[in-house]
Amino acid sequence: MKHMTKQQVKRLYRSRTDKIFGGVCGGIAVYFNVDPVLIRVLWVILIFIMGTGILVYLIAWLIMPLDPKK
């Protein structure tokens, strides 16, 4: 197994720049290298189909740290 340095470890943070409410969707989009609009649309679908999207978003907002850069 290859050893990763601190600079190579990918971390999940809330975005400081690409945010509408708390930066959760923007941070997830950066982590997976996709368009934030796609993540937001998927989140809205989760809210309407499963009904748990709002609760999951609030929990993510509380536990995800802000991006330390910027």
PDB file of N, CA and C in Angstrom:
ATOM      1  N   MET A   1       0.832  -1.184   0.000  1.00  0.00           N
ATOM      2  CA  MET A   1       0.000   0.000   0.000  1.00  0.00           C
ATOM      3  C   MET A   1       0.877   1.249   0.000  1.00  0.00           C
ATOM      4  N   LYS A   2       0.530   2.201  -0.806  1.00  0.00           N
ATOM      5  CA  LYS A   2       1.303   3.421  -0.942  1.00  0.00           C
ATOM      6  C   LYS A   2       0.983   4.387   0.191  1.00  0.00           C
ATOM      7  N   HIS A   3       2.021   4.973   0.778  1.00  0.00           N
ATOM      8  CA  HIS A   3       1.843   5.938   1.858  1.00  0.00           C
ATOM      9  C   HIS A   3       1.587   7.326   1.272  1.00  0.00           C
ATOM     10  N   MET A   4       0.557   8.003   1.764  1.00  0.00           N
ATOM     11  CA  MET A   4       0.208   9.336   1.256  1.00  0.00           C
ATOM     12  C   MET A   4       0.705  10.404   2.227  1.00  0.00           C
ATOM     13  N   THR A   5       1.242  11.479   1.683  1.00  0.00           N
ATOM     14  CA  THR A   5       1.652  12.596   2.521  1.00  0.00           C
ATOM     15  C   THR A   5       0.444  13.460   2.827  1.00  0.00           C
ATOM     16  N   LYS A   6       0.615  14.417   3.730  1.00  0.00           N
ATOM     17  CA  LYS A   6      -0.491  15.300   4.099  1.00  0.00           C
ATOM     18  C   LYS A   6      -1.004  16.096   2.904  1.00  0.00           C
ATOM     19  N   GLN A   7      -0.133  16.449   1.995  1.00  0.00           N
ATOM     20  CA  GLN A   7      -0.545  17.241   0.839  1.00  0.00           C
ATOM     21  C   GLN A   7      -1.344  16.409  -0.154  1.00  0.00           C
ATOM     22  N   GLN A   8      -1.217  15.086  -0.124  1.00  0.00           N
ATOM     23  CA  GLN A   8      -1.927  14.236  -1.064  1.00  0.00           C
ATOM     24  C   GLN A   8      -3.277  13.786  -0.536  1.00  0.00           C
ATOM     25  N   VAL A   9      -3.525  13.928   0.748  1.00  0.00           N
ATOM     26  CA  VAL A   9      -4.783  13.486   1.333  1.00  0.00           C
ATOM     27  C   VAL A   9      -5.889  14.450   0.924  1.00  0.00           C
ATOM     28  N   LYS A  10      -6.969  13.895   0.387  1.00  0.00           N
ATOM     29  CA  LYS A  10      -8.098  14.707  -0.055  1.00  0.00           C
ATOM     30  C   LYS A  10      -9.067  14.861   1.112  1.00  0.00           C
ATOM     31  N   ARG A  11      -9.432  16.092   1.456  1.00  0.00           N
ATOM     32  CA  ARG A  11     -10.322  16.358   2.579  1.00  0.00           C
ATOM     33  C   ARG A  11     -11.605  17.004   2.090  1.00  0.00           C
ATOM     34  N   LEU A  12     -12.681  16.752   2.800  1.00  0.00           N
ATOM     35  CA  LEU A  12     -13.987  17.312   2.471  1.00  0.00           C
ATOM     36  C   LEU A  12     -14.233  18.520   3.356  1.00  0.00           C
ATOM     37  N   TYR A  13     -14.384  19.682   2.742  1.00  0.00           N
ATOM     38  CA  TYR A  13     -14.631  20.937   3.448  1.00  0.00           C
ATOM     39  C   TYR A  13     -15.847  21.635   2.853  1.00  0.00           C
ATOM     40  N   ARG A  14     -16.479  22.499   3.652  1.00  0.00           N
ATOM     41  CA  ARG A  14     -17.503  23.390   3.110  1.00  0.00           C
ATOM     42  C   ARG A  14     -16.796  24.503   2.355  1.00  0.00           C
ATOM     43  N   SER A  15     -17.358  24.891   1.244  1.00  0.00           N
ATOM     44  CA  SER A  15     -16.760  25.935   0.414  1.00  0.00           C
ATOM     45  C   SER A  15     -17.010  27.312   1.017  1.00  0.00           C
ATOM     46  N   ARG A  16     -16.004  28.143   0.968  1.00  0.00           N
ATOM     47  CA  ARG A  16     -16.155  29.540   1.410  1.00  0.00           C
ATOM     48  C   ARG A  16     -16.612  30.437   0.262  1.00  0.00           C
ATOM     49  N   THR A  17     -16.324  30.026  -0.973  1.00  0.00           N
ATOM     50  CA  THR A  17     -16.607  30.891  -2.114  1.00  0.00           C
ATOM     51  C   THR A  17     -17.818  30.445  -2.926  1.00  0.00           C
ATOM     52  N   ASP A  18     -18.002  29.159  -3.097  1.00  0.00           N
ATOM     53  CA  ASP A  18     -19.112  28.648  -3.902  1.00  0.00           C
ATOM     54  C   ASP A  18     -20.200  28.130  -2.978  1.00  0.00           C
ATOM     55  N   LYS A  19     -20.974  29.058  -2.436  1.00  0.00           N
ATOM     56  CA  LYS A  19     -22.013  28.652  -1.493  1.00  0.00           C
ATOM     57  C   LYS A  19     -23.281  29.450  -1.702  1.00  0.00           C
ATOM     58  N   ILE A  20     -24.397  28.822  -1.369  1.00  0.00           N
ATOM     59  CA  ILE A  20     -25.677  29.507  -1.371  1.00  0.00           C
ATOM     60  C   ILE A  20     -26.163  29.608   0.065  1.00  0.00           C
ATOM     61  N   PHE A  21     -26.165  28.480   0.782  1.00  0.00           N
ATOM     62  CA  PHE A  21     -26.558  28.500   2.192  1.00  0.00           C
ATOM     63  C   PHE A  21     -25.341  28.315   3.097  1.00  0.00           C
ATOM     64  N   GLY A  22     -24.763  27.146   3.081  1.00  0.00           N
ATOM     65  CA  GLY A  22     -23.661  26.886   3.997  1.00  0.00           C
ATOM     66  C   GLY A  22     -22.396  26.407   3.336  1.00  0.00           C
ATOM     67  N   GLY A  23     -22.396  26.237   2.027  1.00  0.00           N
ATOM     68  CA  GLY A  23     -21.212  25.787   1.317  1.00  0.00           C
ATOM     69  C   GLY A  23     -21.062  24.280   1.246  1.00  0.00           C
ATOM     70  N   VAL A  24     -22.066  23.543   1.709  1.00  0.00           N
ATOM     71  CA  VAL A  24     -21.987  22.075   1.711  1.00  0.00           C
ATOM     72  C   VAL A  24     -21.938  21.542   0.281  1.00  0.00           C
ATOM     73  N   CYS A  25     -22.859  21.944  -0.549  1.00  0.00           N
ATOM     74  CA  CYS A  25     -22.893  21.452  -1.935  1.00  0.00           C
ATOM     75  C   CYS A  25     -21.652  21.895  -2.706  1.00  0.00           C
ATOM     76  N   GLY A  26     -21.212  23.102  -2.484  1.00  0.00           N
ATOM     77  CA  GLY A  26     -19.986  23.581  -3.139  1.00  0.00           C
ATOM     78  C   GLY A  26     -18.774  22.772  -2.718  1.00  0.00           C
ATOM     79  N   GLY A  27     -18.697  22.430  -1.444  1.00  0.00           N
ATOM     80  CA  GLY A  27     -17.582  21.625  -0.952  1.00  0.00           C
ATOM     81  C   GLY A  27     -17.607  20.206  -1.496  1.00  0.00           C
ATOM     82  N   ILE A  28     -18.793  19.621  -1.575  1.00  0.00           N
ATOM     83  CA  ILE A  28     -18.922  18.275  -2.136  1.00  0.00           C
ATOM     84  C   ILE A  28     -18.540  18.289  -3.614  1.00  0.00           C
ATOM     85  N   ALA A  29     -18.936  19.341  -4.332  1.00  0.00           N
ATOM     86  CA  ALA A  29     -18.603  19.459  -5.753  1.00  0.00           C
ATOM     87  C   ALA A  29     -17.097  19.565  -5.955  1.00  0.00           C
ATOM     88  N   VAL A  30     -16.425  20.317  -5.114  1.00  0.00           N
ATOM     89  CA  VAL A  30     -14.964  20.425  -5.213  1.00  0.00           C
ATOM     90  C   VAL A  30     -14.323  19.069  -4.926  1.00  0.00           C
ATOM     91  N   TYR A  31     -14.808  18.376  -3.914  1.00  0.00           N
ATOM     92  CA  TYR A  31     -14.258  17.080  -3.528  1.00  0.00           C
ATOM     93  C   TYR A  31     -14.363  16.068  -4.664  1.00  0.00           C
ATOM     94  N   PHE A  32     -15.516  16.023  -5.342  1.00  0.00           N
ATOM     95  CA  PHE A  32     -15.719  15.070  -6.432  1.00  0.00           C
ATOM     96  C   PHE A  32     -15.397  15.648  -7.804  1.00  0.00           C
ATOM     97  N   ASN A  33     -14.960  16.916  -7.859  1.00  0.00           N
ATOM     98  CA  ASN A  33     -14.572  17.586  -9.101  1.00  0.00           C
ATOM     99  C   ASN A  33     -15.711  17.583 -10.122  1.00  0.00           C
ATOM    100  N   VAL A  34     -16.900  18.019  -9.672  1.00  0.00           N
ATOM    101  CA  VAL A  34     -18.063  18.137 -10.546  1.00  0.00           C
ATOM    102  C   VAL A  34     -18.652  19.541 -10.392  1.00  0.00           C
ATOM    103  N   ASP A  35     -19.600  19.858 -11.245  1.00  0.00           N
ATOM    104  CA  ASP A  35     -20.267  21.151 -11.206  1.00  0.00           C
ATOM    105  C   ASP A  35     -21.154  21.235  -9.952  1.00  0.00           C
ATOM    106  N   PRO A  36     -21.060  22.309  -9.169  1.00  0.00           N
ATOM    107  CA  PRO A  36     -21.876  22.445  -7.965  1.00  0.00           C
ATOM    108  C   PRO A  36     -23.374  22.438  -8.245  1.00  0.00           C
ATOM    109  N   VAL A  37     -23.780  22.883  -9.426  1.00  0.00           N
ATOM    110  CA  VAL A  37     -25.203  22.888  -9.773  1.00  0.00           C
ATOM    111  C   VAL A  37     -25.737  21.456  -9.801  1.00  0.00           C
ATOM    112  N   LEU A  38     -24.937  20.536 -10.288  1.00  0.00           N
ATOM    113  CA  LEU A  38     -25.336  19.132 -10.319  1.00  0.00           C
ATOM    114  C   LEU A  38     -25.575  18.604  -8.896  1.00  0.00           C
ATOM    115  N   ILE A  39     -24.706  18.941  -7.975  1.00  0.00           N
ATOM    116  CA  ILE A  39     -24.860  18.511  -6.583  1.00  0.00           C
ATOM    117  C   ILE A  39     -26.114  19.143  -5.978  1.00  0.00           C
ATOM    118  N   ARG A  40     -26.351  20.408  -6.275  1.00  0.00           N
ATOM    119  CA  ARG A  40     -27.547  21.083  -5.734  1.00  0.00           C
ATOM    120  C   ARG A  40     -28.831  20.460  -6.271  1.00  0.00           C
ATOM    121  N   VAL A  41     -28.852  20.129  -7.560  1.00  0.00           N
ATOM    122  CA  VAL A  41     -30.034  19.490  -8.152  1.00  0.00           C
ATOM    123  C   VAL A  41     -30.267  18.123  -7.512  1.00  0.00           C
ATOM    124  N   LEU A  42     -29.210  17.350  -7.337  1.00  0.00           N
ATOM    125  CA  LEU A  42     -29.346  16.045  -6.684  1.00  0.00           C
ATOM    126  C   LEU A  42     -29.859  16.193  -5.257  1.00  0.00           C
ATOM    127  N   TRP A  43     -29.406  17.226  -4.565  1.00  0.00           N
ATOM    128  CA  TRP A  43     -29.850  17.455  -3.187  1.00  0.00           C
ATOM    129  C   TRP A  43     -31.340  17.789  -3.141  1.00  0.00           C
ATOM    130  N   VAL A  44     -31.798  18.601  -4.072  1.00  0.00           N
ATOM    131  CA  VAL A  44     -33.222  18.942  -4.127  1.00  0.00           C
ATOM    132  C   VAL A  44     -34.048  17.687  -4.426  1.00  0.00           C
ATOM    133  N   ILE A  45     -33.555  16.846  -5.303  1.00  0.00           N
ATOM    134  CA  ILE A  45     -34.252  15.588  -5.595  1.00  0.00           C
ATOM    135  C   ILE A  45     -34.333  14.734  -4.332  1.00  0.00           C
ATOM    136  N   LEU A  46     -33.250  14.669  -3.571  1.00  0.00           N
ATOM    137  CA  LEU A  46     -33.258  13.936  -2.299  1.00  0.00           C
ATOM    138  C   LEU A  46     -34.311  14.486  -1.337  1.00  0.00           C
ATOM    139  N   ILE A  47     -34.429  15.793  -1.301  1.00  0.00           N
ATOM    140  CA  ILE A  47     -35.400  16.418  -0.395  1.00  0.00           C
ATOM    141  C   ILE A  47     -36.816  15.989  -0.760  1.00  0.00           C
ATOM    142  N   PHE A  48     -37.148  16.010  -2.050  1.00  0.00           N
ATOM    143  CA  PHE A  48     -38.513  15.706  -2.462  1.00  0.00           C
ATOM    144  C   PHE A  48     -38.827  14.212  -2.511  1.00  0.00           C
ATOM    145  N   ILE A  49     -37.842  13.397  -2.841  1.00  0.00           N
ATOM    146  CA  ILE A  49     -38.108  11.957  -2.960  1.00  0.00           C
ATOM    147  C   ILE A  49     -38.013  11.259  -1.615  1.00  0.00           C
ATOM    148  N   MET A  50     -36.943  11.494  -0.889  1.00  0.00           N
ATOM    149  CA  MET A  50     -36.727  10.760   0.354  1.00  0.00           C
ATOM    150  C   MET A  50     -37.175  11.540   1.589  1.00  0.00           C
ATOM    151  N   GLY A  51     -37.227  12.851   1.479  1.00  0.00           N
ATOM    152  CA  GLY A  51     -37.647  13.667   2.612  1.00  0.00           C
ATOM    153  C   GLY A  51     -36.587  13.870   3.667  1.00  0.00           C
ATOM    154  N   THR A  52     -35.420  13.251   3.489  1.00  0.00           N
ATOM    155  CA  THR A  52     -34.366  13.378   4.490  1.00  0.00           C
ATOM    156  C   THR A  52     -33.281  14.359   4.083  1.00  0.00           C
ATOM    157  N   GLY A  53     -33.394  14.927   2.908  1.00  0.00           N
ATOM    158  CA  GLY A  53     -32.352  15.813   2.391  1.00  0.00           C
ATOM    159  C   GLY A  53     -32.079  17.015   3.262  1.00  0.00           C
ATOM    160  N   ILE A  54     -33.115  17.613   3.834  1.00  0.00           N
ATOM    161  CA  ILE A  54     -32.916  18.806   4.670  1.00  0.00           C
ATOM    162  C   ILE A  54     -32.166  18.434   5.943  1.00  0.00           C
ATOM    163  N   LEU A  55     -32.548  17.350   6.574  1.00  0.00           N
ATOM    164  CA  LEU A  55     -31.879  16.923   7.804  1.00  0.00           C
ATOM    165  C   LEU A  55     -30.420  16.556   7.539  1.00  0.00           C
ATOM    166  N   VAL A  56     -30.174  15.839   6.455  1.00  0.00           N
ATOM    167  CA  VAL A  56     -28.803  15.460   6.103  1.00  0.00           C
ATOM    168  C   VAL A  56     -27.968  16.698   5.801  1.00  0.00           C
ATOM    169  N   TYR A  57     -28.550  17.670   5.097  1.00  0.00           N
ATOM    170  CA  TYR A  57     -27.838  18.916   4.794  1.00  0.00           C
ATOM    171  C   TYR A  57     -27.465  19.650   6.074  1.00  0.00           C
ATOM    172  N   LEU A  58     -28.402  19.757   6.998  1.00  0.00           N
ATOM    173  CA  LEU A  58     -28.120  20.451   8.259  1.00  0.00           C
ATOM    174  C   LEU A  58     -27.029  19.738   9.056  1.00  0.00           C
ATOM    175  N   ILE A  59     -27.065  18.426   9.082  1.00  0.00           N
ATOM    176  CA  ILE A  59     -26.020  17.675   9.782  1.00  0.00           C
ATOM    177  C   ILE A  59     -24.667  17.889   9.105  1.00  0.00           C
ATOM    178  N   ALA A  60     -24.653  17.847   7.772  1.00  0.00           N
ATOM    179  CA  ALA A  60     -23.403  18.084   7.043  1.00  0.00           C
ATOM    180  C   ALA A  60     -22.884  19.490   7.309  1.00  0.00           C
ATOM    181  N   TRP A  61     -23.787  20.463   7.377  1.00  0.00           N
ATOM    182  CA  TRP A  61     -23.405  21.844   7.645  1.00  0.00           C
ATOM    183  C   TRP A  61     -22.734  21.943   9.018  1.00  0.00           C
ATOM    184  N   LEU A  62     -23.225  21.201   9.975  1.00  0.00           N
ATOM    185  CA  LEU A  62     -22.668  21.242  11.331  1.00  0.00           C
ATOM    186  C   LEU A  62     -21.338  20.508  11.460  1.00  0.00           C
ATOM    187  N   ILE A  63     -21.174  19.386  10.760  1.00  0.00           N
ATOM    188  CA  ILE A  63     -19.975  18.579  10.985  1.00  0.00           C
ATOM    189  C   ILE A  63     -18.849  18.829   9.984  1.00  0.00           C
ATOM    190  N   MET A  64     -19.168  19.379   8.804  1.00  0.00           N
ATOM    191  CA  MET A  64     -18.116  19.660   7.817  1.00  0.00           C
ATOM    192  C   MET A  64     -17.397  20.957   8.175  1.00  0.00           C
ATOM    193  N   PRO A  65     -16.076  20.917   8.296  1.00  0.00           N
ATOM    194  CA  PRO A  65     -15.347  22.156   8.593  1.00  0.00           C
ATOM    195  C   PRO A  65     -15.274  23.056   7.376  1.00  0.00           C
ATOM    196  N   LEU A  66     -15.124  24.354   7.624  1.00  0.00           N
ATOM    197  CA  LEU A  66     -14.915  25.307   6.528  1.00  0.00           C
ATOM    198  C   LEU A  66     -13.554  25.085   5.908  1.00  0.00           C
ATOM    199  N   ASP A  67     -13.464  25.353   4.628  1.00  0.00           N
ATOM    200  CA  ASP A  67     -12.189  25.243   3.933  1.00  0.00           C
ATOM    201  C   ASP A  67     -11.194  26.203   4.595  1.00  0.00           C
ATOM    202  N   PRO A  68     -10.049  25.699   5.070  1.00  0.00           N
ATOM    203  CA  PRO A  68      -9.104  26.577   5.756  1.00  0.00           C
ATOM    204  C   PRO A  68      -8.387  27.553   4.826  1.00  0.00           C
ATOM    205  N   LYS A  69      -8.425  27.293   3.523  1.00  0.00           N
ATOM    206  CA  LYS A  69      -7.797  28.197   2.563  1.00  0.00           C
ATOM    207  C   LYS A  69      -8.700  29.388   2.316  1.00  0.00           C
ATOM    208  N   LYS A  70      -8.120  30.531   2.081  1.00  0.00           N
ATOM    209  CA  LYS A  70      -8.815  31.771   1.733  1.00  0.00           C
ATOM    210  C   LYS A  70      -9.317  32.484   2.914  1.00  0.00           C
TER     211      LYS A  70
END
